[in-house]
Amino acid sequence: MKVIGITGGIGAGKSEILAYLKSKEGCRVIEADKEARELEMRGGACYDQIVELLGPGILAQDGEIDRAKMAARIFEDKEKLRRVNAIVHPAVKEHITRVIAQERAAGKIRMLFIEAALLIEDGYEAVVDEMWYIYADEQTRRERLKASRGYTDEKIDGIMRQQMPEADFFRYCGVVIDNGGTLADAYGQIDEKLGEVLCQRK
């Protein structure tokens, strides 16, 4: 089994790429954000620590963490944001590492894809066999974000300033999937890479 990390900037079209990978036989996709949400639920590894840090005011009536309330609390206090990340990110990485071990032992899939926005920053290069960068030029990403999410230029500027420079993505990732054109073109690039990987594993 080969483990591949998937990353890319906002608006690069990772969701479509992940959906395509999920459809391929012998492949499994794990999305770090979804795993984090599970770990933040009541009974999850991060729940008690987050509630202790941010207080019961972030809870919904059912006792679960209200993500909108949590976001409002941490984005007005950068130190709390840092501390929440220090709780969640290591827990997610530990969970994903366990899943990798379980899948290796089971031997039922050929490729396991790990998608994380902070794949590089959180040191996943030590966990995965290689990293893929889903790329689209900045203008394309901006147009997508305006069309699909209604973001303003100011909001997009703020998000992009917080993300890793493009040059670093190219430096760390051994494979670049250009998703600045049609999805069919991107899918063709993926099929080519999947074929190469499967040939290597035979």
C-alpha atoms as a PDB file:
ATOM      1  CA  MET A   1       0.000   0.000   0.000  1.00  0.00           C
ATOM      2  CA  LYS A   2       1.255   3.442  -0.905  1.00  0.00           C
ATOM      3  CA  VAL A   3       0.323   6.469   1.189  1.00  0.00           C
ATOM      4  CA  ILE A   4      -0.015   9.768  -0.673  1.00  0.00           C
ATOM      5  CA  GLY A   5      -0.558  13.199   0.812  1.00  0.00           C
ATOM      6  CA  ILE A   6      -2.830  15.636  -1.041  1.00  0.00           C
ATOM      7  CA  THR A   7      -2.590  19.383  -0.498  1.00  0.00           C
ATOM      8  CA  GLY A   8      -3.166  22.689  -2.274  1.00  0.00           C
ATOM      9  CA  GLY A   9      -4.328  26.245  -1.795  1.00  0.00           C
ATOM     10  CA  ILE A  10      -7.924  27.345  -1.378  1.00  0.00           C
ATOM     11  CA  GLY A  11      -9.857  27.332  -4.644  1.00  0.00           C
ATOM     12  CA  ALA A  12      -7.554  24.796  -6.288  1.00  0.00           C
ATOM     13  CA  GLY A  13     -10.410  22.313  -6.650  1.00  0.00           C
ATOM     14  CA  LYS A  14      -9.273  19.659  -4.194  1.00  0.00           C
ATOM     15  CA  SER A  15     -12.856  18.540  -3.476  1.00  0.00           C
ATOM     16  CA  GLU A  16     -13.415  17.412  -7.063  1.00  0.00           C
ATOM     17  CA  ILE A  17     -10.065  15.648  -7.140  1.00  0.00           C
ATOM     18  CA  LEU A  18     -10.794  13.837  -3.875  1.00  0.00           C
ATOM     19  CA  ALA A  19     -14.223  12.751  -5.137  1.00  0.00           C
ATOM     20  CA  TYR A  20     -12.560  11.296  -8.231  1.00  0.00           C
ATOM     21  CA  LEU A  21      -9.961   9.430  -6.171  1.00  0.00           C
ATOM     22  CA  LYS A  22     -12.717   8.003  -3.951  1.00  0.00           C
ATOM     23  CA  SER A  23     -14.331   6.500  -7.045  1.00  0.00           C
ATOM     24  CA  LYS A  24     -11.215   4.543  -7.988  1.00  0.00           C
ATOM     25  CA  GLU A  25     -11.049   0.881  -7.010  1.00  0.00           C
ATOM     26  CA  GLY A  26      -8.415   0.070  -4.413  1.00  0.00           C
ATOM     27  CA  CYS A  27      -8.164   3.666  -3.196  1.00  0.00           C
ATOM     28  CA  ARG A  28      -9.240   5.230   0.086  1.00  0.00           C
ATOM     29  CA  VAL A  29      -9.288   8.942   0.927  1.00  0.00           C
ATOM     30  CA  ILE A  30      -9.000  10.391   4.425  1.00  0.00           C
ATOM     31  CA  GLU A  31      -9.768  14.097   4.863  1.00  0.00           C
ATOM     32  CA  ALA A  32      -8.105  15.637   7.893  1.00  0.00           C
ATOM     33  CA  ASP A  33     -10.872  18.229   8.409  1.00  0.00           C
ATOM     34  CA  LYS A  34     -13.550  15.531   8.607  1.00  0.00           C
ATOM     35  CA  GLU A  35     -11.449  13.485  11.011  1.00  0.00           C
ATOM     36  CA  ALA A  36     -10.987  16.601  13.170  1.00  0.00           C
ATOM     37  CA  ARG A  37     -14.747  17.094  13.364  1.00  0.00           C
ATOM     38  CA  GLU A  38     -15.162  13.515  14.568  1.00  0.00           C
ATOM     39  CA  LEU A  39     -12.496  13.966  17.234  1.00  0.00           C
ATOM     40  CA  GLU A  40     -14.171  17.200  18.392  1.00  0.00           C
ATOM     41  CA  MET A  41     -17.523  15.476  18.967  1.00  0.00           C
ATOM     42  CA  ARG A  42     -18.618  14.463  22.453  1.00  0.00           C
ATOM     43  CA  GLY A  43     -16.622  11.392  23.425  1.00  0.00           C
ATOM     44  CA  GLY A  44     -13.900  12.255  20.918  1.00  0.00           C
ATOM     45  CA  ALA A  45     -10.260  12.708  21.846  1.00  0.00           C
ATOM     46  CA  CYS A  46     -10.360  16.517  21.583  1.00  0.00           C
ATOM     47  CA  TYR A  47     -13.792  17.341  23.030  1.00  0.00           C
ATOM     48  CA  ASP A  48     -12.995  17.728  26.728  1.00  0.00           C
ATOM     49  CA  GLN A  49      -9.822  19.731  26.156  1.00  0.00           C
ATOM     50  CA  ILE A  50     -11.536  22.178  23.795  1.00  0.00           C
ATOM     51  CA  VAL A  51     -14.505  22.716  26.118  1.00  0.00           C
ATOM     52  CA  GLU A  52     -12.153  23.238  29.048  1.00  0.00           C
ATOM     53  CA  LEU A  53     -10.164  25.792  27.044  1.00  0.00           C
ATOM     54  CA  LEU A  54     -13.047  27.749  25.483  1.00  0.00           C
ATOM     55  CA  GLY A  55     -15.779  27.227  28.066  1.00  0.00           C
ATOM     56  CA  PRO A  56     -19.292  25.741  27.918  1.00  0.00           C
ATOM     57  CA  GLY A  57     -20.514  28.751  25.933  1.00  0.00           C
ATOM     58  CA  ILE A  58     -19.375  27.055  22.729  1.00  0.00           C
ATOM     59  CA  LEU A  59     -21.776  24.140  23.213  1.00  0.00           C
ATOM     60  CA  ALA A  60     -25.055  23.619  21.397  1.00  0.00           C
ATOM     61  CA  GLN A  61     -28.183  22.447  23.224  1.00  0.00           C
ATOM     62  CA  ASP A  62     -27.343  18.814  22.538  1.00  0.00           C
ATOM     63  CA  GLY A  63     -23.975  19.188  24.256  1.00  0.00           C
ATOM     64  CA  GLU A  64     -21.959  19.025  21.059  1.00  0.00           C
ATOM     65  CA  ILE A  65     -19.522  21.774  20.133  1.00  0.00           C
ATOM     66  CA  ASP A  66     -21.221  24.449  18.031  1.00  0.00           C
ATOM     67  CA  ARG A  67     -18.635  25.025  15.324  1.00  0.00           C
ATOM     68  CA  ALA A  68     -19.855  28.551  14.556  1.00  0.00           C
ATOM     69  CA  LYS A  69     -19.550  29.543  18.217  1.00  0.00           C
ATOM     70  CA  MET A  70     -16.125  27.951  18.449  1.00  0.00           C
ATOM     71  CA  ALA A  71     -14.941  29.735  15.308  1.00  0.00           C
ATOM     72  CA  ALA A  72     -16.147  33.083  16.624  1.00  0.00           C
ATOM     73  CA  ARG A  73     -14.351  32.501  19.916  1.00  0.00           C
ATOM     74  CA  ILE A  74     -10.993  31.480  18.499  1.00  0.00           C
ATOM     75  CA  PHE A  75     -10.780  33.919  15.621  1.00  0.00           C
ATOM     76  CA  GLU A  76     -11.140  36.857  17.966  1.00  0.00           C
ATOM     77  CA  ASP A  77      -8.315  35.471  20.123  1.00  0.00           C
ATOM     78  CA  LYS A  78      -5.238  34.280  18.228  1.00  0.00           C
ATOM     79  CA  GLU A  79      -3.745  32.653  21.324  1.00  0.00           C
ATOM     80  CA  LYS A  80      -6.853  30.502  21.758  1.00  0.00           C
ATOM     81  CA  LEU A  81      -6.686  29.610  18.068  1.00  0.00           C
ATOM     82  CA  ARG A  82      -3.095  28.505  18.535  1.00  0.00           C
ATOM     83  CA  ARG A  83      -4.018  26.419  21.577  1.00  0.00           C
ATOM     84  CA  VAL A  84      -6.992  24.762  19.852  1.00  0.00           C
ATOM     85  CA  ASN A  85      -4.747  23.880  16.899  1.00  0.00           C
ATOM     86  CA  ALA A  86      -2.218  22.450  19.358  1.00  0.00           C
ATOM     87  CA  ILE A  87      -4.966  20.156  20.668  1.00  0.00           C
ATOM     88  CA  VAL A  88      -6.548  19.154  17.358  1.00  0.00           C
ATOM     89  CA  HIS A  89      -3.697  18.837  14.852  1.00  0.00           C
ATOM     90  CA  PRO A  90      -1.560  16.324  16.793  1.00  0.00           C
ATOM     91  CA  ALA A  91      -4.675  14.268  17.630  1.00  0.00           C
ATOM     92  CA  VAL A  92      -5.676  14.125  13.959  1.00  0.00           C
ATOM     93  CA  LYS A  93      -2.168  13.152  12.891  1.00  0.00           C
ATOM     94  CA  GLU A  94      -2.033  10.427  15.555  1.00  0.00           C
ATOM     95  CA  HIS A  95      -5.439   9.110  14.435  1.00  0.00           C
ATOM     96  CA  ILE A  96      -4.410   9.087  10.770  1.00  0.00           C
ATOM     97  CA  THR A  97      -1.165   7.291  11.634  1.00  0.00           C
ATOM     98  CA  ARG A  98      -3.220   4.570  13.335  1.00  0.00           C
ATOM     99  CA  VAL A  99      -5.492   4.260  10.294  1.00  0.00           C
ATOM    100  CA  ILE A 100      -2.455   3.867   8.029  1.00  0.00           C
ATOM    101  CA  ALA A 101      -1.161   1.049  10.222  1.00  0.00           C
ATOM    102  CA  GLN A 102      -4.571  -0.628  10.228  1.00  0.00           C
ATOM    103  CA  GLU A 103      -4.894  -0.429   6.440  1.00  0.00           C
ATOM    104  CA  ARG A 104      -1.374  -1.780   5.942  1.00  0.00           C
ATOM    105  CA  ALA A 105      -2.195  -4.726   8.196  1.00  0.00           C
ATOM    106  CA  ALA A 106      -5.515  -5.383   6.441  1.00  0.00           C
ATOM    107  CA  GLY A 107      -3.887  -5.317   2.997  1.00  0.00           C
ATOM    108  CA  LYS A 108      -7.148  -4.628   1.181  1.00  0.00           C
ATOM    109  CA  ILE A 109      -6.340  -1.351  -0.598  1.00  0.00           C
ATOM    110  CA  ARG A 110      -3.509  -0.317  -2.902  1.00  0.00           C
ATOM    111  CA  MET A 111      -3.431   3.436  -2.223  1.00  0.00           C
ATOM    112  CA  LEU A 112      -4.373   5.589   0.754  1.00  0.00           C
ATOM    113  CA  PHE A 113      -4.718   9.333   0.183  1.00  0.00           C
ATOM    114  CA  ILE A 114      -4.437  11.791   3.084  1.00  0.00           C
ATOM    115  CA  GLU A 115      -5.807  15.282   2.399  1.00  0.00           C
ATOM    116  CA  ALA A 116      -4.853  18.070   4.769  1.00  0.00           C
ATOM    117  CA  ALA A 117      -4.620  21.823   4.274  1.00  0.00           C
ATOM    118  CA  LEU A 118      -1.564  21.874   6.568  1.00  0.00           C
ATOM    119  CA  LEU A 119      -0.016  18.687   5.217  1.00  0.00           C
ATOM    120  CA  ILE A 120       3.415  20.272   4.934  1.00  0.00           C
ATOM    121  CA  GLU A 121       3.265  22.505   8.002  1.00  0.00           C
ATOM    122  CA  ASP A 122       2.180  19.609  10.232  1.00  0.00           C
ATOM    123  CA  GLY A 123       5.041  17.367   9.110  1.00  0.00           C
ATOM    124  CA  TYR A 124       3.099  14.731   7.202  1.00  0.00           C
ATOM    125  CA  GLU A 125       6.094  14.145   4.938  1.00  0.00           C
ATOM    126  CA  ALA A 126       7.246  11.745   7.662  1.00  0.00           C
ATOM    127  CA  VAL A 127       3.934   9.848   7.423  1.00  0.00           C
ATOM    128  CA  VAL A 128       3.266   9.642   3.669  1.00  0.00           C
ATOM    129  CA  ASP A 129       5.300   8.078   0.864  1.00  0.00           C
ATOM    130  CA  GLU A 130       4.900  11.078  -1.415  1.00  0.00           C
ATOM    131  CA  MET A 131       2.961  14.349  -1.651  1.00  0.00           C
ATOM    132  CA  TRP A 132       0.784  15.644  -4.467  1.00  0.00           C
ATOM    133  CA  TYR A 133       0.108  19.349  -4.973  1.00  0.00           C
ATOM    134  CA  ILE A 134      -3.243  20.232  -6.543  1.00  0.00           C
ATOM    135  CA  TYR A 135      -2.356  23.397  -8.446  1.00  0.00           C
ATOM    136  CA  ALA A 136      -4.383  26.153 -10.083  1.00  0.00           C
ATOM    137  CA  ASP A 137      -3.133  29.638 -10.883  1.00  0.00           C
ATOM    138  CA  GLU A 138      -4.198  32.452  -8.563  1.00  0.00           C
ATOM    139  CA  GLN A 139      -6.606  34.102 -11.001  1.00  0.00           C
ATOM    140  CA  THR A 140      -8.457  30.826 -11.572  1.00  0.00           C
ATOM    141  CA  ARG A 141      -8.667  30.219  -7.832  1.00  0.00           C
ATOM    142  CA  ARG A 142     -10.026  33.724  -7.251  1.00  0.00           C
ATOM    143  CA  GLU A 143     -12.702  33.310  -9.915  1.00  0.00           C
ATOM    144  CA  ARG A 144     -13.784  29.976  -8.446  1.00  0.00           C
ATOM    145  CA  LEU A 145     -14.027  31.375  -4.922  1.00  0.00           C
ATOM    146  CA  LYS A 146     -16.130  34.311  -6.091  1.00  0.00           C
ATOM    147  CA  ALA A 147     -18.434  32.092  -8.147  1.00  0.00           C
ATOM    148  CA  SER A 148     -18.843  29.177  -5.721  1.00  0.00           C
ATOM    149  CA  ARG A 149     -18.642  30.898  -2.327  1.00  0.00           C
ATOM    150  CA  GLY A 150     -19.365  34.535  -3.058  1.00  0.00           C
ATOM    151  CA  TYR A 151     -16.069  35.662  -1.541  1.00  0.00           C
ATOM    152  CA  THR A 152     -14.897  39.244  -1.997  1.00  0.00           C
ATOM    153  CA  ASP A 153     -11.398  40.143  -3.138  1.00  0.00           C
ATOM    154  CA  GLU A 154     -10.650  41.369   0.375  1.00  0.00           C
ATOM    155  CA  LYS A 155     -11.677  38.037   1.925  1.00  0.00           C
ATOM    156  CA  ILE A 156      -9.672  36.092  -0.645  1.00  0.00           C
ATOM    157  CA  ASP A 157      -6.635  38.305  -0.030  1.00  0.00           C
ATOM    158  CA  GLY A 158      -6.845  37.607   3.701  1.00  0.00           C
ATOM    159  CA  ILE A 159      -7.089  33.843   3.234  1.00  0.00           C
ATOM    160  CA  MET A 160      -4.279  33.663   0.691  1.00  0.00           C
ATOM    161  CA  ARG A 161      -1.956  35.706   2.892  1.00  0.00           C
ATOM    162  CA  GLN A 162      -2.318  33.043   5.600  1.00  0.00           C
ATOM    163  CA  GLN A 163      -1.485  30.149   3.292  1.00  0.00           C
ATOM    164  CA  MET A 164       1.921  28.748   2.457  1.00  0.00           C
ATOM    165  CA  PRO A 165       3.708  30.428  -0.475  1.00  0.00           C
ATOM    166  CA  GLU A 166       3.229  28.631  -3.773  1.00  0.00           C
ATOM    167  CA  ALA A 167       6.973  28.027  -4.111  1.00  0.00           C
ATOM    168  CA  ASP A 168       6.946  25.942  -0.930  1.00  0.00           C
ATOM    169  CA  PHE A 169       4.210  23.669  -2.284  1.00  0.00           C
ATOM    170  CA  PHE A 170       6.328  23.026  -5.379  1.00  0.00           C
ATOM    171  CA  ARG A 171       9.425  22.439  -3.235  1.00  0.00           C
ATOM    172  CA  TYR A 172       7.844  19.848  -0.954  1.00  0.00           C
ATOM    173  CA  CYS A 173       5.520  18.006  -3.351  1.00  0.00           C
ATOM    174  CA  GLY A 174       6.971  15.516  -5.793  1.00  0.00           C
ATOM    175  CA  VAL A 175       3.843  15.420  -7.980  1.00  0.00           C
ATOM    176  CA  VAL A 176       1.880  18.401  -9.304  1.00  0.00           C
ATOM    177  CA  ILE A 177      -1.655  17.934 -10.644  1.00  0.00           C
ATOM    178  CA  ASP A 178      -2.575  20.992 -12.702  1.00  0.00           C
ATOM    179  CA  ASN A 179      -6.261  21.649 -12.011  1.00  0.00           C
ATOM    180  CA  GLY A 180      -6.377  25.065 -13.613  1.00  0.00           C
ATOM    181  CA  GLY A 181      -8.120  23.788 -16.736  1.00  0.00           C
ATOM    182  CA  THR A 182     -10.883  21.246 -17.195  1.00  0.00           C
ATOM    183  CA  LEU A 183     -11.611  18.465 -14.756  1.00  0.00           C
ATOM    184  CA  ALA A 184     -11.204  15.974 -17.575  1.00  0.00           C
ATOM    185  CA  ASP A 185      -7.633  17.147 -18.030  1.00  0.00           C
ATOM    186  CA  ALA A 186      -6.935  16.875 -14.287  1.00  0.00           C
ATOM    187  CA  TYR A 187      -8.491  13.396 -14.182  1.00  0.00           C
ATOM    188  CA  GLY A 188      -6.218  12.351 -17.043  1.00  0.00           C
ATOM    189  CA  GLN A 189      -3.160  13.452 -15.079  1.00  0.00           C
ATOM    190  CA  ILE A 190      -4.371  11.505 -12.060  1.00  0.00           C
ATOM    191  CA  ASP A 191      -5.026   8.353 -14.084  1.00  0.00           C
ATOM    192  CA  GLU A 192      -1.509   8.581 -15.468  1.00  0.00           C
ATOM    193  CA  LYS A 193       0.001   8.892 -11.983  1.00  0.00           C
ATOM    194  CA  LEU A 194      -2.179   6.089 -10.588  1.00  0.00           C
ATOM    195  CA  GLY A 195      -1.008   3.836 -13.391  1.00  0.00           C
ATOM    196  CA  GLU A 196       2.628   4.630 -12.606  1.00  0.00           C
ATOM    197  CA  VAL A 197       2.162   3.925  -8.899  1.00  0.00           C
ATOM    198  CA  LEU A 198       0.342   0.654  -9.459  1.00  0.00           C
ATOM    199  CA  CYS A 199       3.052  -0.512 -11.860  1.00  0.00           C
ATOM    200  CA  GLN A 200       5.694   0.320  -9.255  1.00  0.00           C
ATOM    201  CA  ARG A 201       3.867  -1.754  -6.628  1.00  0.00           C
ATOM    202  CA  LYS A 202       3.563  -4.939  -8.679  1.00  0.00           C
END
